[in-house]
Protein backbone atom coordinates (compact mmCIF):
# COMPACT_ATOMS: atom_id res chain seq x y z
CA MET A 1 0.00 0.00 0.00
CA ARG A 2 1.25 3.46 -0.73
CA ASP A 3 -0.23 6.91 -0.92
CA LEU A 4 0.64 9.54 -3.48
CA ALA A 5 3.67 10.89 -1.66
CA PRO A 6 6.36 11.88 -4.17
CA ALA A 7 8.73 9.11 -3.05
CA HIS A 8 5.98 6.54 -3.60
CA VAL A 9 5.19 7.59 -7.15
CA ALA A 10 8.74 8.18 -8.37
CA LYS A 11 9.71 6.25 -11.49
CA SER A 12 12.49 4.47 -9.60
CA THR A 13 10.00 3.30 -6.97
CA LYS A 14 7.54 2.08 -9.59
CA ASP A 15 10.35 0.30 -11.42
CA TRP A 16 11.46 -1.41 -8.19
CA PHE A 17 7.95 -2.75 -7.52
CA THR A 18 7.68 -3.95 -11.12
CA LYS A 19 11.10 -5.65 -10.97
CA LYS A 20 10.17 -7.41 -7.72
CA GLN A 21 6.77 -8.36 -9.19
CA LEU A 22 4.98 -6.85 -6.20
CA GLU A 23 1.37 -5.81 -6.43
CA VAL A 24 0.70 -2.43 -4.86
CA LEU A 25 -2.63 -1.68 -3.26
CA ALA A 26 -4.29 1.54 -4.31
CA TRP A 27 -4.24 3.95 -1.39
CA PRO A 28 -5.77 7.38 -1.96
CA ALA A 29 -3.68 10.25 -0.59
CA ASN A 30 -6.55 11.55 1.55
CA SER A 31 -7.80 8.23 2.88
CA PRO A 32 -8.17 7.66 6.62
CA ASP A 33 -4.89 6.47 8.06
CA LEU A 34 -5.19 2.76 8.77
CA ASN A 35 -1.56 2.18 9.57
CA VAL A 36 -1.34 1.22 13.27
CA ILE A 37 2.29 2.35 13.43
CA GLU A 38 0.94 5.91 13.27
CA ASN A 39 -1.05 5.18 16.42
CA LEU A 40 2.05 3.79 18.10
CA TRP A 41 3.99 6.93 17.20
CA ALA A 42 1.16 9.03 18.69
CA ILE A 43 1.46 7.04 21.94
CA VAL A 44 5.22 7.63 22.00
CA LYS A 45 4.72 11.34 21.32
CA ARG A 46 2.28 11.62 24.23
CA LYS A 47 4.80 9.91 26.52
CA ILE A 48 7.55 12.40 25.66
CA ARG A 49 5.42 15.51 25.17
CA ASN A 50 6.41 17.20 28.45
CA ARG A 51 10.08 16.31 28.35
CA LYS A 52 12.43 19.04 27.29
CA PRO A 53 15.56 17.46 25.82
CA THR A 54 18.35 19.89 25.10
CA THR A 55 20.43 17.60 22.91
CA LEU A 56 19.76 15.18 20.10
CA ASP A 57 21.06 12.33 22.27
CA GLN A 58 18.56 13.20 25.01
CA LEU A 59 15.74 13.27 22.46
CA LYS A 60 16.79 9.88 21.10
CA GLN A 61 16.93 8.46 24.63
CA ASN A 62 13.48 9.86 25.46
CA ILE A 63 12.03 8.28 22.33
CA ALA A 64 13.72 4.94 23.01
CA THR A 65 12.50 4.90 26.62
CA ALA A 66 8.95 5.79 25.60
CA TRP A 67 8.98 3.19 22.79
CA GLU A 68 10.17 0.47 25.19
CA ALA A 69 7.36 1.42 27.59
CA VAL A 70 4.68 0.57 25.01
CA SER A 71 3.25 -2.74 26.13
CA ALA A 72 2.67 -5.79 23.99
CA GLU A 73 -0.98 -5.53 25.03
CA THR A 74 -1.18 -2.06 23.50
CA CYS A 75 0.26 -3.34 20.23
CA ASP A 76 -2.10 -6.31 20.28
CA LYS A 77 -5.08 -4.04 20.88
CA LEU A 78 -4.14 -1.86 17.91
CA VAL A 79 -3.73 -4.85 15.60
CA LYS A 80 -7.03 -6.33 16.76
CA SER A 81 -8.74 -3.00 16.02
CA MET A 82 -8.08 -3.36 12.29
CA PRO A 83 -11.38 -5.09 11.40
CA ARG A 84 -13.29 -2.25 13.12
CA ARG A 85 -11.14 0.34 11.38
CA LEU A 86 -11.73 -1.23 7.98
CA GLN A 87 -15.47 -1.45 8.62
CA ALA A 88 -15.54 2.21 9.64
CA VAL A 89 -13.83 3.20 6.38
CA ILE A 90 -16.31 1.11 4.40
CA GLN A 91 -19.26 2.66 6.22
CA ALA A 92 -17.82 6.15 5.70
CA LYS A 93 -17.30 5.34 2.00
CA GLY A 94 -13.65 6.31 2.31
CA ALA A 95 -14.29 9.52 4.21
CA ALA A 96 -12.71 10.38 7.56
CA THR A 97 -13.35 8.13 10.53
CA LYS A 98 -12.61 8.46 14.24
CA TYR A 99 -9.37 6.60 13.68
């Protein structure tokens, strides 16, 4: 799946998918985001929101600590939410959903 981001529609990218004989799912640029990694990143952002790193190393450490604090149960819950997410997109006929 890919949206219409420039890197995804570049000739070199298209050629790579063709060479590897990979089928690409159509994914409209303005579709609701169904990628659970985005939700995981939002969780990490919330965990580090109030920290004030003053160096790049501190920022990296904050992110790593927050990422490690995300439980397996949280990941499982997000993955298990996919059928509901897909159904919501179908019901919304591709329009925005609460996800």
